[in-house]
Amino acid sequence: MVLGLATLCFVGKIQTTTQPRFLPAPWAEHSHREPEQVTVPIRVELDSHEISTESTVWRYRAPATAPASGRLLLVHGFRGDHHGMQLIADGLPEFEVLVPDLPGHGQSPSLRTQNGGRVEHSLELYAAFVEAVAHAMDLGEGDCLVGHSFGSTVCSAHCAASNRNWSGLVLSAPISNNIFRGRLLPGAALVDLYYRFTEVLPESAGDAVLRSTTVLEVMNLTLGVGWDDQLAAFVKDQHRQFFGGYSDRQTLLESYRASSRHTATQFAPAVSVPTLLLPGAQDSLSTSDGLRALRDALPQGRLEVIRGAGHLVHYEKPAQLARAIRGFVSEVTSVGS
């Protein structure tokens, strides 16, 4: 399906973020990369909608002494923003890394039509947004796309619909399974009930439930694997700071539906670029059969499991994740050179 024309105008409005309040050992010894905040006016034409707003992209520059290498565009997961990709950016200091806040997340507002009307934040819209960012920054051959969790579905949908000539695609904690089937169904049904409940509440009450620290604690318990005290404190602090950073309840609920009703697997046959899957060995949102099915559905897919990690592999094993990305990018970019 054609996503439509998407164009993005790039401007040089630069600010900086603050450093993380603390980092877990041994990551605290790594050099922290401070990104530049770039605010961009964006115009997307999708189906019958013409959408115009501003969004935020965070640029981690490579040092001048680093060898020439392609750029990486990282797409974060549901309810996250660019902060979730910080440890990966720190682990790949030789690359220029670009991380947009998806519409309605972090510093990027939800998208609106030209007359200010709402537009559904569907998977198709998020995929079109990735195309717009890539077009604006002239990304493609020699560059790689990386998606984490819901970002893996967004990036797969983008690659299936776009002719952009990426050198490679990396899917971290990929969404391979329909979560409403098999052993994943009980947990998925409870989460779905939670979001349906917040939808029927008055908006202020719904927001309070969506931002509940108790709910975040339950989520941490179900997703975490092998956390020591420092890592647990870090992940909890990240979620407390950033999981409530959505623009409005309606956009978040639409984003939830997009994230829970689609998988990377459904787009895999149309993804023509070399693709590396990097799930945690104990990912509670996927199954071994589902991951193998995703790998086999990709024309150029490969699977590398990160041991000692669950769905939050980007927090639990960032060094291993970065190392796998580095090797894959080196391989696929050298083939194309």
Protein backbone atom coordinates (compact mmCIF):
# COMPACT_ATOMS: atom_id res chain seq x y z
CA MET A 1 0.00 0.00 0.00
CA VAL A 2 1.35 3.37 -0.96
CA LEU A 3 1.83 5.60 2.05
CA GLY A 4 1.53 8.76 -0.03
CA LEU A 5 3.81 11.72 -0.45
CA ALA A 6 5.65 12.87 2.65
CA THR A 7 7.94 15.87 2.83
CA LEU A 8 9.78 17.43 5.74
CA CYS A 9 11.49 20.84 6.00
CA PHE A 10 14.58 20.85 8.22
CA VAL A 11 15.53 23.86 10.34
CA GLY A 12 18.36 24.53 12.70
CA LYS A 13 16.59 25.16 15.99
CA ILE A 14 18.99 23.46 18.41
CA GLN A 15 18.71 22.77 22.13
CA THR A 16 20.20 20.10 24.37
CA THR A 17 18.74 17.52 26.71
CA THR A 18 19.85 16.94 30.25
CA GLN A 19 22.00 13.94 31.06
CA PRO A 20 20.36 10.91 32.68
CA ARG A 21 20.13 11.28 36.45
CA PHE A 22 22.22 8.13 36.81
CA LEU A 23 23.24 5.10 34.79
CA PRO A 24 23.47 1.45 35.87
CA ALA A 25 26.86 -0.19 36.29
CA PRO A 26 28.85 -0.95 34.23
CA TRP A 27 27.26 1.52 31.81
CA ALA A 28 28.12 4.44 34.07
CA GLU A 29 31.73 4.13 32.86
CA HIS A 30 30.75 4.67 29.21
CA SER A 31 30.94 8.09 27.60
CA HIS A 32 27.55 9.76 27.56
CA ARG A 33 26.50 11.29 24.23
CA GLU A 34 24.50 14.48 24.54
CA PRO A 35 22.11 14.91 21.59
CA GLU A 36 21.09 18.07 19.81
CA GLN A 37 17.37 18.76 19.72
CA VAL A 38 16.25 19.69 16.23
CA THR A 39 12.72 21.01 15.82
CA VAL A 40 11.34 20.39 12.34
CA PRO A 41 8.14 21.55 10.68
CA ILE A 42 6.58 18.54 9.04
CA ARG A 43 4.01 18.18 6.27
CA VAL A 44 2.62 14.78 5.39
CA GLU A 45 0.03 13.93 2.76
CA LEU A 46 -1.64 10.63 3.60
CA ASP A 47 -4.81 9.44 1.91
CA SER A 48 -7.26 12.37 2.19
CA HIS A 49 -5.38 14.13 4.97
CA GLU A 50 -2.86 16.94 4.70
CA ILE A 51 -0.97 17.12 7.96
CA SER A 52 1.26 19.96 9.08
CA THR A 53 2.97 20.37 12.45
CA GLU A 54 6.36 20.37 14.13
CA SER A 55 8.20 17.32 15.39
CA THR A 56 11.46 16.69 17.18
CA VAL A 57 14.49 14.72 16.05
CA TRP A 58 17.47 14.16 18.34
CA ARG A 59 20.87 14.05 16.66
CA TYR A 60 23.87 12.34 18.25
CA ARG A 61 26.85 13.48 16.22
CA ALA A 62 29.85 11.27 15.57
CA PRO A 63 33.22 12.73 16.62
CA ALA A 64 35.28 14.27 13.86
CA THR A 65 37.96 11.63 14.44
CA ALA A 66 35.56 8.72 13.86
CA PRO A 67 35.96 6.77 10.61
CA ALA A 68 33.36 7.55 7.98
CA SER A 69 30.28 5.38 8.44
CA GLY A 70 26.62 5.44 7.60
CA ARG A 71 24.00 7.04 9.77
CA LEU A 72 21.49 5.22 11.95
CA LEU A 73 17.84 6.20 12.31
CA LEU A 74 16.44 4.73 15.55
CA VAL A 75 12.70 4.42 16.19
CA HIS A 76 11.59 3.95 19.81
CA GLY A 77 8.74 1.85 21.19
CA PHE A 78 5.23 2.46 22.48
CA ARG A 79 4.97 5.08 25.24
CA GLY A 80 8.70 5.77 24.98
CA ASP A 81 10.68 8.58 23.39
CA HIS A 82 14.29 9.17 22.41
CA HIS A 83 15.52 8.64 25.97
CA GLY A 84 14.93 4.91 25.60
CA MET A 85 17.53 4.78 22.82
CA GLN A 86 20.18 6.63 24.84
CA LEU A 87 22.24 3.58 25.87
CA ILE A 88 22.28 2.31 22.28
CA ALA A 89 23.50 5.69 21.03
CA ASP A 90 26.17 5.67 23.77
CA GLY A 91 27.26 2.20 22.66
CA LEU A 92 27.72 3.28 19.02
CA PRO A 93 29.89 6.41 19.36
CA GLU A 94 31.36 6.14 15.85
CA PHE A 95 27.96 6.61 14.21
CA GLU A 96 25.79 9.65 13.71
CA VAL A 97 22.53 8.54 15.34
CA LEU A 98 19.16 10.19 14.70
CA VAL A 99 16.20 9.50 16.98
CA PRO A 100 12.83 11.13 16.26
CA ASP A 101 10.21 11.36 18.96
CA LEU A 102 7.24 9.70 17.26
CA PRO A 103 4.16 11.93 16.92
CA GLY A 104 2.38 12.23 20.24
CA HIS A 105 5.45 11.03 22.18
CA GLY A 106 8.14 13.00 23.97
CA GLN A 107 8.68 16.44 22.46
CA SER A 108 6.71 15.72 19.25
CA PRO A 109 3.05 16.75 19.39
CA SER A 110 0.32 14.66 17.86
CA LEU A 111 -0.24 15.29 14.16
CA ARG A 112 -3.09 17.50 12.97
CA THR A 113 -4.67 18.31 9.63
CA GLN A 114 -4.13 21.69 8.01
CA ASN A 115 -7.30 23.06 9.63
CA GLY A 116 -6.31 21.70 13.05
CA GLY A 117 -8.51 18.62 13.00
CA ARG A 118 -7.52 15.30 14.54
CA VAL A 119 -6.14 12.48 12.47
CA GLU A 120 -5.93 8.90 13.68
CA HIS A 121 -2.47 7.91 14.85
CA SER A 122 -2.43 4.63 12.98
CA LEU A 123 0.46 2.39 12.05
CA GLU A 124 0.24 3.75 8.51
CA LEU A 125 0.65 7.29 9.83
CA TYR A 126 3.70 6.38 11.92
CA ALA A 127 5.27 4.60 8.94
CA ALA A 128 4.65 7.69 6.80
CA PHE A 129 6.30 9.81 9.49
CA VAL A 130 9.45 7.65 9.33
CA GLU A 131 9.48 8.10 5.56
CA ALA A 132 9.20 11.87 6.01
CA VAL A 133 12.14 11.99 8.43
CA ALA A 134 14.26 9.79 6.16
CA HIS A 135 13.41 11.94 3.14
CA ALA A 136 14.28 15.18 4.93
CA MET A 137 17.64 13.92 6.09
CA ASP A 138 18.48 12.20 2.81
CA LEU A 139 18.80 8.79 4.44
CA GLY A 140 18.96 5.60 2.45
CA GLU A 141 21.86 3.81 0.80
CA GLY A 142 24.72 3.45 3.27
CA ASP A 143 22.38 4.13 6.21
CA CYS A 144 20.47 1.71 8.44
CA LEU A 145 17.12 1.78 10.16
CA VAL A 146 16.69 0.43 13.70
CA GLY A 147 13.32 -0.13 15.40
CA HIS A 148 12.69 -1.24 18.97
CA SER A 149 9.50 -3.05 20.07
CA PHE A 150 6.57 -1.12 18.50
CA GLY A 151 9.27 0.67 16.51
CA SER A 152 10.06 -2.71 14.92
CA THR A 153 6.51 -2.86 13.54
CA VAL A 154 6.62 0.78 12.42
CA CYS A 155 9.93 0.23 10.61
CA SER A 156 8.72 -2.99 8.99
CA ALA A 157 5.57 -1.27 7.75
CA HIS A 158 7.69 1.61 6.43
CA CYS A 159 10.11 -0.69 4.59
CA ALA A 160 7.25 -2.70 3.10
CA ALA A 161 5.63 0.42 1.67
CA SER A 162 8.66 2.55 0.77
CA ASN A 163 11.19 2.30 -2.03
CA ARG A 164 13.87 3.88 0.15
CA ASN A 165 17.12 2.01 -0.39
CA TRP A 166 18.24 1.33 3.19
CA SER A 167 21.39 -0.73 3.56
CA GLY A 168 19.87 -2.69 6.40
CA LEU A 169 17.12 -2.96 9.00
CA VAL A 170 17.58 -3.97 12.66
CA LEU A 171 14.60 -5.01 14.79
CA SER A 172 15.30 -4.92 18.53
CA ALA A 173 12.79 -6.89 20.64
CA PRO A 174 10.71 -7.36 17.48
CA ILE A 175 6.95 -7.79 17.68
CA SER A 176 6.64 -11.16 15.99
CA ASN A 177 3.48 -12.63 17.52
CA ASN A 178 -0.20 -11.77 17.55
CA ILE A 179 -0.43 -11.22 21.31
CA PHE A 180 -4.13 -12.16 21.36
CA ARG A 181 -3.37 -15.79 20.54
CA GLY A 182 -1.78 -18.69 22.39
CA ARG A 183 0.13 -18.27 25.63
CA LEU A 184 0.39 -14.49 25.21
CA LEU A 185 -3.40 -14.02 25.28
CA PRO A 186 -4.01 -13.82 29.07
CA GLY A 187 -1.51 -11.00 29.60
CA ALA A 188 -2.61 -9.20 26.44
CA ALA A 189 -6.25 -9.39 27.49
CA LEU A 190 -5.48 -7.77 30.85
CA VAL A 191 -3.51 -4.97 29.19
CA ASP A 192 -6.32 -4.43 26.69
CA LEU A 193 -8.85 -4.21 29.53
CA TYR A 194 -6.64 -1.63 31.24
CA TYR A 195 -6.57 0.64 28.17
CA ARG A 196 -10.30 0.19 27.54
CA PHE A 197 -10.95 1.18 31.15
CA THR A 198 -8.90 4.38 30.84
CA GLU A 199 -10.87 5.27 27.70
CA VAL A 200 -14.26 5.31 29.41
CA LEU A 201 -13.11 7.35 32.41
CA PRO A 202 -13.27 11.16 32.45
CA GLU A 203 -10.09 12.44 30.83
CA SER A 204 -8.38 13.60 34.02
CA ALA A 205 -9.11 10.30 35.76
CA GLY A 206 -8.05 8.32 32.69
CA ASP A 207 -4.75 10.20 32.55
CA ALA A 208 -4.17 9.53 36.24
CA VAL A 209 -4.64 5.79 35.69
CA LEU A 210 -2.44 5.81 32.57
CA ARG A 211 0.34 7.51 34.53
CA SER A 212 -0.11 5.35 37.63
CA THR A 213 3.20 4.37 39.25
CA THR A 214 1.54 1.17 40.46
CA VAL A 215 0.80 0.12 36.89
CA LEU A 216 4.40 0.90 35.91
CA GLU A 217 5.62 -1.31 38.77
CA VAL A 218 3.50 -4.20 37.50
CA MET A 219 4.82 -3.67 33.97
CA ASN A 220 8.39 -3.71 35.25
CA LEU A 221 7.77 -6.99 37.08
CA THR A 222 6.36 -8.67 33.96
CA LEU A 223 8.99 -7.41 31.51
CA GLY A 224 12.19 -7.37 33.56
CA VAL A 225 14.79 -10.14 33.38
CA GLY A 226 17.91 -10.49 35.55
CA TRP A 227 17.79 -7.04 37.11
CA ASP A 228 20.15 -6.19 39.92
CA ASP A 229 19.29 -3.30 42.24
CA GLN A 230 21.02 -0.65 40.11
CA LEU A 231 19.44 -1.74 36.85
CA ALA A 232 16.01 -2.00 38.47
CA ALA A 233 16.36 1.53 39.85
CA PHE A 234 17.46 2.85 36.46
CA VAL A 235 14.60 1.26 34.48
CA LYS A 236 12.00 2.34 37.03
CA ASP A 237 13.36 5.88 36.96
CA GLN A 238 13.25 5.95 33.15
CA HIS A 239 9.65 4.78 33.09
CA ARG A 240 8.58 7.21 35.80
CA GLN A 241 10.12 10.10 33.90
CA PHE A 242 9.10 9.33 30.33
CA PHE A 243 6.19 6.86 30.06
CA GLY A 244 3.73 9.62 30.93
CA GLY A 245 5.13 11.97 28.29
CA TYR A 246 2.41 11.42 25.69
CA SER A 247 0.62 14.44 24.20
CA ASP A 248 -2.97 13.46 25.00
CA ARG A 249 -5.04 10.45 25.97
CA GLN A 250 -6.74 9.92 22.60
CA THR A 251 -3.44 9.83 20.74
CA LEU A 252 -2.00 7.37 23.26
CA LEU A 253 -5.01 5.06 22.94
CA GLU A 254 -4.74 5.14 19.13
CA SER A 255 -1.03 4.40 19.43
CA TYR A 256 -1.83 1.48 21.74
CA ARG A 257 -4.25 0.02 19.21
CA ALA A 258 -1.68 0.39 16.44
CA SER A 259 0.97 -1.31 18.58
CA SER A 260 -1.22 -4.18 19.77
CA ARG A 261 -3.08 -5.03 16.55
CA HIS A 262 -0.10 -5.32 14.22
CA THR A 263 3.15 -7.25 14.09
CA ALA A 264 6.37 -6.99 12.12
CA THR A 265 5.61 -10.44 10.73
CA GLN A 266 2.64 -9.26 8.67
CA PHE A 267 4.93 -6.90 6.70
CA ALA A 268 7.98 -9.17 6.56
CA PRO A 269 7.49 -10.67 3.06
CA ALA A 270 7.59 -7.19 1.53
CA VAL A 271 10.74 -6.08 3.39
CA SER A 272 13.47 -6.43 0.79
CA VAL A 273 16.49 -5.14 2.75
CA PRO A 274 18.82 -7.31 4.88
CA THR A 275 17.20 -7.56 8.31
CA LEU A 276 18.64 -8.55 11.70
CA LEU A 277 16.33 -9.63 14.54
CA LEU A 278 17.65 -9.02 18.06
CA PRO A 279 15.21 -10.37 20.65
CA GLY A 280 15.97 -11.06 24.28
CA ALA A 281 16.03 -14.78 25.04
CA GLN A 282 13.29 -14.34 27.66
CA ASP A 283 11.11 -11.81 25.84
CA SER A 284 7.62 -12.15 27.30
CA LEU A 285 5.99 -10.51 24.26
CA SER A 286 7.20 -13.06 21.72
CA THR A 287 7.65 -16.80 21.33
CA SER A 288 10.45 -18.81 19.79
CA ASP A 289 8.10 -20.07 17.09
CA GLY A 290 6.94 -16.53 16.36
CA LEU A 291 10.49 -15.22 16.04
CA ARG A 292 11.47 -18.04 13.71
CA ALA A 293 8.36 -17.40 11.62
CA LEU A 294 9.31 -13.73 11.37
CA ARG A 295 12.87 -14.62 10.35
CA ASP A 296 11.66 -17.09 7.73
CA ALA A 297 9.13 -14.61 6.31
CA LEU A 298 11.84 -12.02 5.68
CA PRO A 299 13.54 -12.40 2.28
CA GLN A 300 16.89 -11.57 3.90
CA GLY A 301 16.28 -12.24 7.58
CA ARG A 302 18.58 -13.49 10.29
CA LEU A 303 18.03 -14.05 14.01
CA GLU A 304 20.49 -13.39 16.83
CA VAL A 305 19.17 -13.95 20.35
CA ILE A 306 20.52 -11.80 23.20
CA ARG A 307 20.95 -14.00 26.25
CA GLY A 308 20.03 -12.79 29.73
CA ALA A 309 17.51 -10.27 28.43
CA GLY A 310 13.77 -9.92 28.04
CA HIS A 311 11.70 -7.42 26.09
CA LEU A 312 13.64 -4.49 27.59
CA VAL A 313 16.85 -5.65 25.93
CA HIS A 314 17.80 -2.01 25.19
CA TYR A 315 18.12 -1.45 28.96
CA GLU A 316 19.24 -4.91 30.06
CA LYS A 317 21.93 -5.67 27.48
CA PRO A 318 22.73 -2.43 25.63
CA ALA A 319 26.39 -3.31 25.04
CA GLN A 320 25.51 -6.63 23.42
CA LEU A 321 22.79 -4.98 21.37
CA ALA A 322 25.16 -2.25 20.18
CA ARG A 323 27.84 -4.80 19.33
CA ALA A 324 25.40 -6.82 17.21
CA ILE A 325 24.20 -3.69 15.43
CA ARG A 326 27.78 -2.60 14.73
CA GLY A 327 28.73 -5.94 13.17
CA PHE A 328 25.58 -6.09 11.04
CA VAL A 329 25.90 -2.51 9.82
CA SER A 330 29.57 -3.06 8.94
CA GLU A 331 28.64 -6.12 6.92
CA VAL A 332 25.68 -4.71 4.98
CA THR A 333 27.30 -1.35 4.23
CA SER A 334 30.54 -2.97 3.00
CA VAL A 335 28.55 -5.21 0.65
CA GLY A 336 26.87 -2.17 -0.88
CA SER A 337 30.07 -0.11 -1.24
